[in-house]
PDBML (XML) file of the C-alpha atoms, coordinates in Angstrom:
<?xml version="1.0" encoding="UTF-8" ?>
<PDBx:datablock datablockName="MODEL"
   xmlns:PDBx="http://pdbml.pdb.org/schema/pdbx-v50.xsd"
   xmlns:xsi="http://www.w3.org/2001/XMLSchema-instance"
   xsi:schemaLocation="http://pdbml.pdb.org/schema/pdbx-v50.xsd pdbx-v50.xsd">
   <PDBx:atom_siteCategory>
      <PDBx:atom_site id="1">
         <PDBx:B_iso_or_equiv>0.00</PDBx:B_iso_or_equiv>
         <PDBx:Cartn_x>128.215</PDBx:Cartn_x>
         <PDBx:Cartn_y>164.647</PDBx:Cartn_y>
         <PDBx:Cartn_z>134.442</PDBx:Cartn_z>
         <PDBx:auth_asym_id>A</PDBx:auth_asym_id>
         <PDBx:auth_atom_id>CA</PDBx:auth_atom_id>
         <PDBx:auth_comp_id>MET</PDBx:auth_comp_id>
         <PDBx:auth_seq_id>1</PDBx:auth_seq_id>
         <PDBx:group_PDB>ATOM</PDBx:group_PDB>
         <PDBx:label_alt_id xsi:nil="true" />
         <PDBx:label_asym_id>A</PDBx:label_asym_id>
         <PDBx:label_atom_id>CA</PDBx:label_atom_id>
         <PDBx:label_comp_id>MET</PDBx:label_comp_id>
         <PDBx:label_entity_id>1</PDBx:label_entity_id>
         <PDBx:label_seq_id>1</PDBx:label_seq_id>
         <PDBx:occupancy>1.00</PDBx:occupancy>
         <PDBx:pdbx_PDB_model_num>1</PDBx:pdbx_PDB_model_num>
         <PDBx:type_symbol>C</PDBx:type_symbol>
      </PDBx:atom_site>
      <PDBx:atom_site id="2">
         <PDBx:B_iso_or_equiv>0.00</PDBx:B_iso_or_equiv>
         <PDBx:Cartn_x>125.177</PDBx:Cartn_x>
         <PDBx:Cartn_y>163.921</PDBx:Cartn_y>
         <PDBx:Cartn_z>133.207</PDBx:Cartn_z>
         <PDBx:auth_asym_id>A</PDBx:auth_asym_id>
         <PDBx:auth_atom_id>CA</PDBx:auth_atom_id>
         <PDBx:auth_comp_id>GLN</PDBx:auth_comp_id>
         <PDBx:auth_seq_id>2</PDBx:auth_seq_id>
         <PDBx:group_PDB>ATOM</PDBx:group_PDB>
         <PDBx:label_alt_id xsi:nil="true" />
         <PDBx:label_asym_id>A</PDBx:label_asym_id>
         <PDBx:label_atom_id>CA</PDBx:label_atom_id>
         <PDBx:label_comp_id>GLN</PDBx:label_comp_id>
         <PDBx:label_entity_id>1</PDBx:label_entity_id>
         <PDBx:label_seq_id>2</PDBx:label_seq_id>
         <PDBx:occupancy>1.00</PDBx:occupancy>
         <PDBx:pdbx_PDB_model_num>1</PDBx:pdbx_PDB_model_num>
         <PDBx:type_symbol>C</PDBx:type_symbol>
      </PDBx:atom_site>
      <PDBx:atom_site id="3">
         <PDBx:B_iso_or_equiv>0.00</PDBx:B_iso_or_equiv>
         <PDBx:Cartn_x>122.237</PDBx:Cartn_x>
         <PDBx:Cartn_y>164.685</PDBx:Cartn_y>
         <PDBx:Cartn_z>136.032</PDBx:Cartn_z>
         <PDBx:auth_asym_id>A</PDBx:auth_asym_id>
         <PDBx:auth_atom_id>CA</PDBx:auth_atom_id>
         <PDBx:auth_comp_id>PRO</PDBx:auth_comp_id>
         <PDBx:auth_seq_id>3</PDBx:auth_seq_id>
         <PDBx:group_PDB>ATOM</PDBx:group_PDB>
         <PDBx:label_alt_id xsi:nil="true" />
         <PDBx:label_asym_id>A</PDBx:label_asym_id>
         <PDBx:label_atom_id>CA</PDBx:label_atom_id>
         <PDBx:label_comp_id>PRO</PDBx:label_comp_id>
         <PDBx:label_entity_id>1</PDBx:label_entity_id>
         <PDBx:label_seq_id>3</PDBx:label_seq_id>
         <PDBx:occupancy>1.00</PDBx:occupancy>
         <PDBx:pdbx_PDB_model_num>1</PDBx:pdbx_PDB_model_num>
         <PDBx:type_symbol>C</PDBx:type_symbol>
      </PDBx:atom_site>
      <PDBx:atom_site id="4">
         <PDBx:B_iso_or_equiv>0.00</PDBx:B_iso_or_equiv>
         <PDBx:Cartn_x>120.458</PDBx:Cartn_x>
         <PDBx:Cartn_y>161.146</PDBx:Cartn_y>
         <PDBx:Cartn_z>136.757</PDBx:Cartn_z>
         <PDBx:auth_asym_id>A</PDBx:auth_asym_id>
         <PDBx:auth_atom_id>CA</PDBx:auth_atom_id>
         <PDBx:auth_comp_id>ILE</PDBx:auth_comp_id>
         <PDBx:auth_seq_id>4</PDBx:auth_seq_id>
         <PDBx:group_PDB>ATOM</PDBx:group_PDB>
         <PDBx:label_alt_id xsi:nil="true" />
         <PDBx:label_asym_id>A</PDBx:label_asym_id>
         <PDBx:label_atom_id>CA</PDBx:label_atom_id>
         <PDBx:label_comp_id>ILE</PDBx:label_comp_id>
         <PDBx:label_entity_id>1</PDBx:label_entity_id>
         <PDBx:label_seq_id>4</PDBx:label_seq_id>
         <PDBx:occupancy>1.00</PDBx:occupancy>
         <PDBx:pdbx_PDB_model_num>1</PDBx:pdbx_PDB_model_num>
         <PDBx:type_symbol>C</PDBx:type_symbol>
      </PDBx:atom_site>
      <PDBx:atom_site id="5">
         <PDBx:B_iso_or_equiv>0.00</PDBx:B_iso_or_equiv>
         <PDBx:Cartn_x>117.138</PDBx:Cartn_x>
         <PDBx:Cartn_y>163.416</PDBx:Cartn_y>
         <PDBx:Cartn_z>137.567</PDBx:Cartn_z>
         <PDBx:auth_asym_id>A</PDBx:auth_asym_id>
         <PDBx:auth_atom_id>CA</PDBx:auth_atom_id>
         <PDBx:auth_comp_id>GLY</PDBx:auth_comp_id>
         <PDBx:auth_seq_id>5</PDBx:auth_seq_id>
         <PDBx:group_PDB>ATOM</PDBx:group_PDB>
         <PDBx:label_alt_id xsi:nil="true" />
         <PDBx:label_asym_id>A</PDBx:label_asym_id>
         <PDBx:label_atom_id>CA</PDBx:label_atom_id>
         <PDBx:label_comp_id>GLY</PDBx:label_comp_id>
         <PDBx:label_entity_id>1</PDBx:label_entity_id>
         <PDBx:label_seq_id>5</PDBx:label_seq_id>
         <PDBx:occupancy>1.00</PDBx:occupancy>
         <PDBx:pdbx_PDB_model_num>1</PDBx:pdbx_PDB_model_num>
         <PDBx:type_symbol>C</PDBx:type_symbol>
      </PDBx:atom_site>
      <PDBx:atom_site id="6">
         <PDBx:B_iso_or_equiv>0.00</PDBx:B_iso_or_equiv>
         <PDBx:Cartn_x>115.735</PDBx:Cartn_x>
         <PDBx:Cartn_y>166.909</PDBx:Cartn_y>
         <PDBx:Cartn_z>138.862</PDBx:Cartn_z>
         <PDBx:auth_asym_id>A</PDBx:auth_asym_id>
         <PDBx:auth_atom_id>CA</PDBx:auth_atom_id>
         <PDBx:auth_comp_id>ARG</PDBx:auth_comp_id>
         <PDBx:auth_seq_id>6</PDBx:auth_seq_id>
         <PDBx:group_PDB>ATOM</PDBx:group_PDB>
         <PDBx:label_alt_id xsi:nil="true" />
         <PDBx:label_asym_id>A</PDBx:label_asym_id>
         <PDBx:label_atom_id>CA</PDBx:label_atom_id>
         <PDBx:label_comp_id>ARG</PDBx:label_comp_id>
         <PDBx:label_entity_id>1</PDBx:label_entity_id>
         <PDBx:label_seq_id>6</PDBx:label_seq_id>
         <PDBx:occupancy>1.00</PDBx:occupancy>
         <PDBx:pdbx_PDB_model_num>1</PDBx:pdbx_PDB_model_num>
         <PDBx:type_symbol>C</PDBx:type_symbol>
      </PDBx:atom_site>
      <PDBx:atom_site id="7">
         <PDBx:B_iso_or_equiv>0.00</PDBx:B_iso_or_equiv>
         <PDBx:Cartn_x>114.196</PDBx:Cartn_x>
         <PDBx:Cartn_y>167.973</PDBx:Cartn_y>
         <PDBx:Cartn_z>141.965</PDBx:Cartn_z>
         <PDBx:auth_asym_id>A</PDBx:auth_asym_id>
         <PDBx:auth_atom_id>CA</PDBx:auth_atom_id>
         <PDBx:auth_comp_id>VAL</PDBx:auth_comp_id>
         <PDBx:auth_seq_id>7</PDBx:auth_seq_id>
         <PDBx:group_PDB>ATOM</PDBx:group_PDB>
         <PDBx:label_alt_id xsi:nil="true" />
         <PDBx:label_asym_id>A</PDBx:label_asym_id>
         <PDBx:label_atom_id>CA</PDBx:label_atom_id>
         <PDBx:label_comp_id>VAL</PDBx:label_comp_id>
         <PDBx:label_entity_id>1</PDBx:label_entity_id>
         <PDBx:label_seq_id>7</PDBx:label_seq_id>
         <PDBx:occupancy>1.00</PDBx:occupancy>
         <PDBx:pdbx_PDB_model_num>1</PDBx:pdbx_PDB_model_num>
         <PDBx:type_symbol>C</PDBx:type_symbol>
      </PDBx:atom_site>
      <PDBx:atom_site id="8">
         <PDBx:B_iso_or_equiv>0.00</PDBx:B_iso_or_equiv>
         <PDBx:Cartn_x>110.649</PDBx:Cartn_x>
         <PDBx:Cartn_y>169.105</PDBx:Cartn_y>
         <PDBx:Cartn_z>142.372</PDBx:Cartn_z>
         <PDBx:auth_asym_id>A</PDBx:auth_asym_id>
         <PDBx:auth_atom_id>CA</PDBx:auth_atom_id>
         <PDBx:auth_comp_id>ARG</PDBx:auth_comp_id>
         <PDBx:auth_seq_id>8</PDBx:auth_seq_id>
         <PDBx:group_PDB>ATOM</PDBx:group_PDB>
         <PDBx:label_alt_id xsi:nil="true" />
         <PDBx:label_asym_id>A</PDBx:label_asym_id>
         <PDBx:label_atom_id>CA</PDBx:label_atom_id>
         <PDBx:label_comp_id>ARG</PDBx:label_comp_id>
         <PDBx:label_entity_id>1</PDBx:label_entity_id>
         <PDBx:label_seq_id>8</PDBx:label_seq_id>
         <PDBx:occupancy>1.00</PDBx:occupancy>
         <PDBx:pdbx_PDB_model_num>1</PDBx:pdbx_PDB_model_num>
         <PDBx:type_symbol>C</PDBx:type_symbol>
      </PDBx:atom_site>
      <PDBx:atom_site id="9">
         <PDBx:B_iso_or_equiv>0.00</PDBx:B_iso_or_equiv>
         <PDBx:Cartn_x>109.628</PDBx:Cartn_x>
         <PDBx:Cartn_y>171.364</PDBx:Cartn_y>
         <PDBx:Cartn_z>144.844</PDBx:Cartn_z>
         <PDBx:auth_asym_id>A</PDBx:auth_asym_id>
         <PDBx:auth_atom_id>CA</PDBx:auth_atom_id>
         <PDBx:auth_comp_id>SER</PDBx:auth_comp_id>
         <PDBx:auth_seq_id>9</PDBx:auth_seq_id>
         <PDBx:group_PDB>ATOM</PDBx:group_PDB>
         <PDBx:label_alt_id xsi:nil="true" />
         <PDBx:label_asym_id>A</PDBx:label_asym_id>
         <PDBx:label_atom_id>CA</PDBx:label_atom_id>
         <PDBx:label_comp_id>SER</PDBx:label_comp_id>
         <PDBx:label_entity_id>1</PDBx:label_entity_id>
         <PDBx:label_seq_id>9</PDBx:label_seq_id>
         <PDBx:occupancy>1.00</PDBx:occupancy>
         <PDBx:pdbx_PDB_model_num>1</PDBx:pdbx_PDB_model_num>
         <PDBx:type_symbol>C</PDBx:type_symbol>
      </PDBx:atom_site>
      <PDBx:atom_site id="10">
         <PDBx:B_iso_or_equiv>0.00</PDBx:B_iso_or_equiv>
         <PDBx:Cartn_x>106.986</PDBx:Cartn_x>
         <PDBx:Cartn_y>173.876</PDBx:Cartn_y>
         <PDBx:Cartn_z>146.163</PDBx:Cartn_z>
         <PDBx:auth_asym_id>A</PDBx:auth_asym_id>
         <PDBx:auth_atom_id>CA</PDBx:auth_atom_id>
         <PDBx:auth_comp_id>THR</PDBx:auth_comp_id>
         <PDBx:auth_seq_id>10</PDBx:auth_seq_id>
         <PDBx:group_PDB>ATOM</PDBx:group_PDB>
         <PDBx:label_alt_id xsi:nil="true" />
         <PDBx:label_asym_id>A</PDBx:label_asym_id>
         <PDBx:label_atom_id>CA</PDBx:label_atom_id>
         <PDBx:label_comp_id>THR</PDBx:label_comp_id>
         <PDBx:label_entity_id>1</PDBx:label_entity_id>
         <PDBx:label_seq_id>10</PDBx:label_seq_id>
         <PDBx:occupancy>1.00</PDBx:occupancy>
         <PDBx:pdbx_PDB_model_num>1</PDBx:pdbx_PDB_model_num>
         <PDBx:type_symbol>C</PDBx:type_symbol>
      </PDBx:atom_site>
      <PDBx:atom_site id="11">
         <PDBx:B_iso_or_equiv>0.00</PDBx:B_iso_or_equiv>
         <PDBx:Cartn_x>110.352</PDBx:Cartn_x>
         <PDBx:Cartn_y>175.972</PDBx:Cartn_y>
         <PDBx:Cartn_z>146.910</PDBx:Cartn_z>
         <PDBx:auth_asym_id>A</PDBx:auth_asym_id>
         <PDBx:auth_atom_id>CA</PDBx:auth_atom_id>
         <PDBx:auth_comp_id>ARG</PDBx:auth_comp_id>
         <PDBx:auth_seq_id>11</PDBx:auth_seq_id>
         <PDBx:group_PDB>ATOM</PDBx:group_PDB>
         <PDBx:label_alt_id xsi:nil="true" />
         <PDBx:label_asym_id>A</PDBx:label_asym_id>
         <PDBx:label_atom_id>CA</PDBx:label_atom_id>
         <PDBx:label_comp_id>ARG</PDBx:label_comp_id>
         <PDBx:label_entity_id>1</PDBx:label_entity_id>
         <PDBx:label_seq_id>11</PDBx:label_seq_id>
         <PDBx:occupancy>1.00</PDBx:occupancy>
         <PDBx:pdbx_PDB_model_num>1</PDBx:pdbx_PDB_model_num>
         <PDBx:type_symbol>C</PDBx:type_symbol>
      </PDBx:atom_site>
      <PDBx:atom_site id="12">
         <PDBx:B_iso_or_equiv>0.00</PDBx:B_iso_or_equiv>
         <PDBx:Cartn_x>111.404</PDBx:Cartn_x>
         <PDBx:Cartn_y>177.881</PDBx:Cartn_y>
         <PDBx:Cartn_z>143.984</PDBx:Cartn_z>
         <PDBx:auth_asym_id>A</PDBx:auth_asym_id>
         <PDBx:auth_atom_id>CA</PDBx:auth_atom_id>
         <PDBx:auth_comp_id>THR</PDBx:auth_comp_id>
         <PDBx:auth_seq_id>12</PDBx:auth_seq_id>
         <PDBx:group_PDB>ATOM</PDBx:group_PDB>
         <PDBx:label_alt_id xsi:nil="true" />
         <PDBx:label_asym_id>A</PDBx:label_asym_id>
         <PDBx:label_atom_id>CA</PDBx:label_atom_id>
         <PDBx:label_comp_id>THR</PDBx:label_comp_id>
         <PDBx:label_entity_id>1</PDBx:label_entity_id>
         <PDBx:label_seq_id>12</PDBx:label_seq_id>
         <PDBx:occupancy>1.00</PDBx:occupancy>
         <PDBx:pdbx_PDB_model_num>1</PDBx:pdbx_PDB_model_num>
         <PDBx:type_symbol>C</PDBx:type_symbol>
      </PDBx:atom_site>
      <PDBx:atom_site id="13">
         <PDBx:B_iso_or_equiv>0.00</PDBx:B_iso_or_equiv>
         <PDBx:Cartn_x>113.498</PDBx:Cartn_x>
         <PDBx:Cartn_y>180.403</PDBx:Cartn_y>
         <PDBx:Cartn_z>145.228</PDBx:Cartn_z>
         <PDBx:auth_asym_id>A</PDBx:auth_asym_id>
         <PDBx:auth_atom_id>CA</PDBx:auth_atom_id>
         <PDBx:auth_comp_id>GLU</PDBx:auth_comp_id>
         <PDBx:auth_seq_id>13</PDBx:auth_seq_id>
         <PDBx:group_PDB>ATOM</PDBx:group_PDB>
         <PDBx:label_alt_id xsi:nil="true" />
         <PDBx:label_asym_id>A</PDBx:label_asym_id>
         <PDBx:label_atom_id>CA</PDBx:label_atom_id>
         <PDBx:label_comp_id>GLU</PDBx:label_comp_id>
         <PDBx:label_entity_id>1</PDBx:label_entity_id>
         <PDBx:label_seq_id>13</PDBx:label_seq_id>
         <PDBx:occupancy>1.00</PDBx:occupancy>
         <PDBx:pdbx_PDB_model_num>1</PDBx:pdbx_PDB_model_num>
         <PDBx:type_symbol>C</PDBx:type_symbol>
      </PDBx:atom_site>
      <PDBx:atom_site id="14">
         <PDBx:B_iso_or_equiv>0.00</PDBx:B_iso_or_equiv>
         <PDBx:Cartn_x>116.978</PDBx:Cartn_x>
         <PDBx:Cartn_y>180.005</PDBx:Cartn_y>
         <PDBx:Cartn_z>147.640</PDBx:Cartn_z>
         <PDBx:auth_asym_id>A</PDBx:auth_asym_id>
         <PDBx:auth_atom_id>CA</PDBx:auth_atom_id>
         <PDBx:auth_comp_id>PRO</PDBx:auth_comp_id>
         <PDBx:auth_seq_id>14</PDBx:auth_seq_id>
         <PDBx:group_PDB>ATOM</PDBx:group_PDB>
         <PDBx:label_alt_id xsi:nil="true" />
         <PDBx:label_asym_id>A</PDBx:label_asym_id>
         <PDBx:label_atom_id>CA</PDBx:label_atom_id>
         <PDBx:label_comp_id>PRO</PDBx:label_comp_id>
         <PDBx:label_entity_id>1</PDBx:label_entity_id>
         <PDBx:label_seq_id>14</PDBx:label_seq_id>
         <PDBx:occupancy>1.00</PDBx:occupancy>
         <PDBx:pdbx_PDB_model_num>1</PDBx:pdbx_PDB_model_num>
         <PDBx:type_symbol>C</PDBx:type_symbol>
      </PDBx:atom_site>
      <PDBx:atom_site id="15">
         <PDBx:B_iso_or_equiv>0.00</PDBx:B_iso_or_equiv>
         <PDBx:Cartn_x>115.420</PDBx:Cartn_x>
         <PDBx:Cartn_y>181.158</PDBx:Cartn_y>
         <PDBx:Cartn_z>151.037</PDBx:Cartn_z>
         <PDBx:auth_asym_id>A</PDBx:auth_asym_id>
         <PDBx:auth_atom_id>CA</PDBx:auth_atom_id>
         <PDBx:auth_comp_id>VAL</PDBx:auth_comp_id>
         <PDBx:auth_seq_id>15</PDBx:auth_seq_id>
         <PDBx:group_PDB>ATOM</PDBx:group_PDB>
         <PDBx:label_alt_id xsi:nil="true" />
         <PDBx:label_asym_id>A</PDBx:label_asym_id>
         <PDBx:label_atom_id>CA</PDBx:label_atom_id>
         <PDBx:label_comp_id>VAL</PDBx:label_comp_id>
         <PDBx:label_entity_id>1</PDBx:label_entity_id>
         <PDBx:label_seq_id>15</PDBx:label_seq_id>
         <PDBx:occupancy>1.00</PDBx:occupancy>
         <PDBx:pdbx_PDB_model_num>1</PDBx:pdbx_PDB_model_num>
         <PDBx:type_symbol>C</PDBx:type_symbol>
      </PDBx:atom_site>
      <PDBx:atom_site id="16">
         <PDBx:B_iso_or_equiv>0.00</PDBx:B_iso_or_equiv>
         <PDBx:Cartn_x>118.341</PDBx:Cartn_x>
         <PDBx:Cartn_y>180.588</PDBx:Cartn_y>
         <PDBx:Cartn_z>153.577</PDBx:Cartn_z>
         <PDBx:auth_asym_id>A</PDBx:auth_asym_id>
         <PDBx:auth_atom_id>CA</PDBx:auth_atom_id>
         <PDBx:auth_comp_id>ASP</PDBx:auth_comp_id>
         <PDBx:auth_seq_id>16</PDBx:auth_seq_id>
         <PDBx:group_PDB>ATOM</PDBx:group_PDB>
         <PDBx:label_alt_id xsi:nil="true" />
         <PDBx:label_asym_id>A</PDBx:label_asym_id>
         <PDBx:label_atom_id>CA</PDBx:label_atom_id>
         <PDBx:label_comp_id>ASP</PDBx:label_comp_id>
         <PDBx:label_entity_id>1</PDBx:label_entity_id>
         <PDBx:label_seq_id>16</PDBx:label_seq_id>
         <PDBx:occupancy>1.00</PDBx:occupancy>
         <PDBx:pdbx_PDB_model_num>1</PDBx:pdbx_PDB_model_num>
         <PDBx:type_symbol>C</PDBx:type_symbol>
      </PDBx:atom_site>
      <PDBx:atom_site id="17">
         <PDBx:B_iso_or_equiv>0.00</PDBx:B_iso_or_equiv>
         <PDBx:Cartn_x>116.269</PDBx:Cartn_x>
         <PDBx:Cartn_y>178.790</PDBx:Cartn_y>
         <PDBx:Cartn_z>156.447</PDBx:Cartn_z>
         <PDBx:auth_asym_id>A</PDBx:auth_asym_id>
         <PDBx:auth_atom_id>CA</PDBx:auth_atom_id>
         <PDBx:auth_comp_id>ASP</PDBx:auth_comp_id>
         <PDBx:auth_seq_id>17</PDBx:auth_seq_id>
         <PDBx:group_PDB>ATOM</PDBx:group_PDB>
         <PDBx:label_alt_id xsi:nil="true" />
         <PDBx:label_asym_id>A</PDBx:label_asym_id>
         <PDBx:label_atom_id>CA</PDBx:label_atom_id>
         <PDBx:label_comp_id>ASP</PDBx:label_comp_id>
         <PDBx:label_entity_id>1</PDBx:label_entity_id>
         <PDBx:label_seq_id>17</PDBx:label_seq_id>
         <PDBx:occupancy>1.00</PDBx:occupancy>
         <PDBx:pdbx_PDB_model_num>1</PDBx:pdbx_PDB_model_num>
         <PDBx:type_symbol>C</PDBx:type_symbol>
      </PDBx:atom_site>
      <PDBx:atom_site id="18">
         <PDBx:B_iso_or_equiv>0.00</PDBx:B_iso_or_equiv>
         <PDBx:Cartn_x>113.497</PDBx:Cartn_x>
         <PDBx:Cartn_y>176.309</PDBx:Cartn_y>
         <PDBx:Cartn_z>157.341</PDBx:Cartn_z>
         <PDBx:auth_asym_id>A</PDBx:auth_asym_id>
         <PDBx:auth_atom_id>CA</PDBx:auth_atom_id>
         <PDBx:auth_comp_id>ASP</PDBx:auth_comp_id>
         <PDBx:auth_seq_id>18</PDBx:auth_seq_id>
         <PDBx:group_PDB>ATOM</PDBx:group_PDB>
         <PDBx:label_alt_id xsi:nil="true" />
         <PDBx:label_asym_id>A</PDBx:label_asym_id>
         <PDBx:label_atom_id>CA</PDBx:label_atom_id>
         <PDBx:label_comp_id>ASP</PDBx:label_comp_id>
         <PDBx:label_entity_id>1</PDBx:label_entity_id>
         <PDBx:label_seq_id>18</PDBx:label_seq_id>
         <PDBx:occupancy>1.00</PDBx:occupancy>
         <PDBx:pdbx_PDB_model_num>1</PDBx:pdbx_PDB_model_num>
         <PDBx:type_symbol>C</PDBx:type_symbol>
      </PDBx:atom_site>
      <PDBx:atom_site id="19">
         <PDBx:B_iso_or_equiv>0.00</PDBx:B_iso_or_equiv>
         <PDBx:Cartn_x>114.547</PDBx:Cartn_x>
         <PDBx:Cartn_y>173.304</PDBx:Cartn_y>
         <PDBx:Cartn_z>154.993</PDBx:Cartn_z>
         <PDBx:auth_asym_id>A</PDBx:auth_asym_id>
         <PDBx:auth_atom_id>CA</PDBx:auth_atom_id>
         <PDBx:auth_comp_id>TRP</PDBx:auth_comp_id>
         <PDBx:auth_seq_id>19</PDBx:auth_seq_id>
         <PDBx:group_PDB>ATOM</PDBx:group_PDB>
         <PDBx:label_alt_id xsi:nil="true" />
         <PDBx:label_asym_id>A</PDBx:label_asym_id>
         <PDBx:label_atom_id>CA</PDBx:label_atom_id>
         <PDBx:label_comp_id>TRP</PDBx:label_comp_id>
         <PDBx:label_entity_id>1</PDBx:label_entity_id>
         <PDBx:label_seq_id>19</PDBx:label_seq_id>
         <PDBx:occupancy>1.00</PDBx:occupancy>
         <PDBx:pdbx_PDB_model_num>1</PDBx:pdbx_PDB_model_num>
         <PDBx:type_symbol>C</PDBx:type_symbol>
      </PDBx:atom_site>
      <PDBx:atom_site id="20">
         <PDBx:B_iso_or_equiv>0.00</PDBx:B_iso_or_equiv>
         <PDBx:Cartn_x>112.938</PDBx:Cartn_x>
         <PDBx:Cartn_y>170.828</PDBx:Cartn_y>
         <PDBx:Cartn_z>157.104</PDBx:Cartn_z>
         <PDBx:auth_asym_id>A</PDBx:auth_asym_id>
         <PDBx:auth_atom_id>CA</PDBx:auth_atom_id>
         <PDBx:auth_comp_id>ASP</PDBx:auth_comp_id>
         <PDBx:auth_seq_id>20</PDBx:auth_seq_id>
         <PDBx:group_PDB>ATOM</PDBx:group_PDB>
         <PDBx:label_alt_id xsi:nil="true" />
         <PDBx:label_asym_id>A</PDBx:label_asym_id>
         <PDBx:label_atom_id>CA</PDBx:label_atom_id>
         <PDBx:label_comp_id>ASP</PDBx:label_comp_id>
         <PDBx:label_entity_id>1</PDBx:label_entity_id>
         <PDBx:label_seq_id>20</PDBx:label_seq_id>
         <PDBx:occupancy>1.00</PDBx:occupancy>
         <PDBx:pdbx_PDB_model_num>1</PDBx:pdbx_PDB_model_num>
         <PDBx:type_symbol>C</PDBx:type_symbol>
      </PDBx:atom_site>
      <PDBx:atom_site id="21">
         <PDBx:B_iso_or_equiv>0.00</PDBx:B_iso_or_equiv>
         <PDBx:Cartn_x>109.710</PDBx:Cartn_x>
         <PDBx:Cartn_y>171.887</PDBx:Cartn_y>
         <PDBx:Cartn_z>156.797</PDBx:Cartn_z>
         <PDBx:auth_asym_id>A</PDBx:auth_asym_id>
         <PDBx:auth_atom_id>CA</PDBx:auth_atom_id>
         <PDBx:auth_comp_id>ALA</PDBx:auth_comp_id>
         <PDBx:auth_seq_id>21</PDBx:auth_seq_id>
         <PDBx:group_PDB>ATOM</PDBx:group_PDB>
         <PDBx:label_alt_id xsi:nil="true" />
         <PDBx:label_asym_id>A</PDBx:label_asym_id>
         <PDBx:label_atom_id>CA</PDBx:label_atom_id>
         <PDBx:label_comp_id>ALA</PDBx:label_comp_id>
         <PDBx:label_entity_id>1</PDBx:label_entity_id>
         <PDBx:label_seq_id>21</PDBx:label_seq_id>
         <PDBx:occupancy>1.00</PDBx:occupancy>
         <PDBx:pdbx_PDB_model_num>1</PDBx:pdbx_PDB_model_num>
         <PDBx:type_symbol>C</PDBx:type_symbol>
      </PDBx:atom_site>
      <PDBx:atom_site id="22">
         <PDBx:B_iso_or_equiv>0.00</PDBx:B_iso_or_equiv>
         <PDBx:Cartn_x>110.269</PDBx:Cartn_x>
         <PDBx:Cartn_y>171.516</PDBx:Cartn_y>
         <PDBx:Cartn_z>153.086</PDBx:Cartn_z>
         <PDBx:auth_asym_id>A</PDBx:auth_asym_id>
         <PDBx:auth_atom_id>CA</PDBx:auth_atom_id>
         <PDBx:auth_comp_id>VAL</PDBx:auth_comp_id>
         <PDBx:auth_seq_id>22</PDBx:auth_seq_id>
         <PDBx:group_PDB>ATOM</PDBx:group_PDB>
         <PDBx:label_alt_id xsi:nil="true" />
         <PDBx:label_asym_id>A</PDBx:label_asym_id>
         <PDBx:label_atom_id>CA</PDBx:label_atom_id>
         <PDBx:label_comp_id>VAL</PDBx:label_comp_id>
         <PDBx:label_entity_id>1</PDBx:label_entity_id>
         <PDBx:label_seq_id>22</PDBx:label_seq_id>
         <PDBx:occupancy>1.00</PDBx:occupancy>
         <PDBx:pdbx_PDB_model_num>1</PDBx:pdbx_PDB_model_num>
         <PDBx:type_symbol>C</PDBx:type_symbol>
      </PDBx:atom_site>
      <PDBx:atom_site id="23">
         <PDBx:B_iso_or_equiv>0.00</PDBx:B_iso_or_equiv>
         <PDBx:Cartn_x>108.994</PDBx:Cartn_x>
         <PDBx:Cartn_y>167.746</PDBx:Cartn_y>
         <PDBx:Cartn_z>151.602</PDBx:Cartn_z>
         <PDBx:auth_asym_id>A</PDBx:auth_asym_id>
         <PDBx:auth_atom_id>CA</PDBx:auth_atom_id>
         <PDBx:auth_comp_id>GLU</PDBx:auth_comp_id>
         <PDBx:auth_seq_id>23</PDBx:auth_seq_id>
         <PDBx:group_PDB>ATOM</PDBx:group_PDB>
         <PDBx:label_alt_id xsi:nil="true" />
         <PDBx:label_asym_id>A</PDBx:label_asym_id>
         <PDBx:label_atom_id>CA</PDBx:label_atom_id>
         <PDBx:label_comp_id>GLU</PDBx:label_comp_id>
         <PDBx:label_entity_id>1</PDBx:label_entity_id>
         <PDBx:label_seq_id>23</PDBx:label_seq_id>
         <PDBx:occupancy>1.00</PDBx:occupancy>
         <PDBx:pdbx_PDB_model_num>1</PDBx:pdbx_PDB_model_num>
         <PDBx:type_symbol>C</PDBx:type_symbol>
      </PDBx:atom_site>
      <PDBx:atom_site id="24">
         <PDBx:B_iso_or_equiv>0.00</PDBx:B_iso_or_equiv>
         <PDBx:Cartn_x>110.400</PDBx:Cartn_x>
         <PDBx:Cartn_y>167.996</PDBx:Cartn_y>
         <PDBx:Cartn_z>147.500</PDBx:Cartn_z>
         <PDBx:auth_asym_id>A</PDBx:auth_asym_id>
         <PDBx:auth_atom_id>CA</PDBx:auth_atom_id>
         <PDBx:auth_comp_id>SER</PDBx:auth_comp_id>
         <PDBx:auth_seq_id>24</PDBx:auth_seq_id>
         <PDBx:group_PDB>ATOM</PDBx:group_PDB>
         <PDBx:label_alt_id xsi:nil="true" />
         <PDBx:label_asym_id>A</PDBx:label_asym_id>
         <PDBx:label_atom_id>CA</PDBx:label_atom_id>
         <PDBx:label_comp_id>SER</PDBx:label_comp_id>
         <PDBx:label_entity_id>1</PDBx:label_entity_id>
         <PDBx:label_seq_id>24</PDBx:label_seq_id>
         <PDBx:occupancy>1.00</PDBx:occupancy>
         <PDBx:pdbx_PDB_model_num>1</PDBx:pdbx_PDB_model_num>
         <PDBx:type_symbol>C</PDBx:type_symbol>
      </PDBx:atom_site>
      <PDBx:atom_site id="25">
         <PDBx:B_iso_or_equiv>0.00</PDBx:B_iso_or_equiv>
         <PDBx:Cartn_x>110.924</PDBx:Cartn_x>
         <PDBx:Cartn_y>164.904</PDBx:Cartn_y>
         <PDBx:Cartn_z>145.182</PDBx:Cartn_z>
         <PDBx:auth_asym_id>A</PDBx:auth_asym_id>
         <PDBx:auth_atom_id>CA</PDBx:auth_atom_id>
         <PDBx:auth_comp_id>THR</PDBx:auth_comp_id>
         <PDBx:auth_seq_id>25</PDBx:auth_seq_id>
         <PDBx:group_PDB>ATOM</PDBx:group_PDB>
         <PDBx:label_alt_id xsi:nil="true" />
         <PDBx:label_asym_id>A</PDBx:label_asym_id>
         <PDBx:label_atom_id>CA</PDBx:label_atom_id>
         <PDBx:label_comp_id>THR</PDBx:label_comp_id>
         <PDBx:label_entity_id>1</PDBx:label_entity_id>
         <PDBx:label_seq_id>25</PDBx:label_seq_id>
         <PDBx:occupancy>1.00</PDBx:occupancy>
         <PDBx:pdbx_PDB_model_num>1</PDBx:pdbx_PDB_model_num>
         <PDBx:type_symbol>C</PDBx:type_symbol>
      </PDBx:atom_site>
   </PDBx:atom_siteCategory>
</PDBx:datablock>
């Protein structure tokens, strides 16, 4: 498979909680 794109986010570490607070692109 080839990626169709990438995530852009302020989160750089896979923290386990509070993901609803994250806006990403």
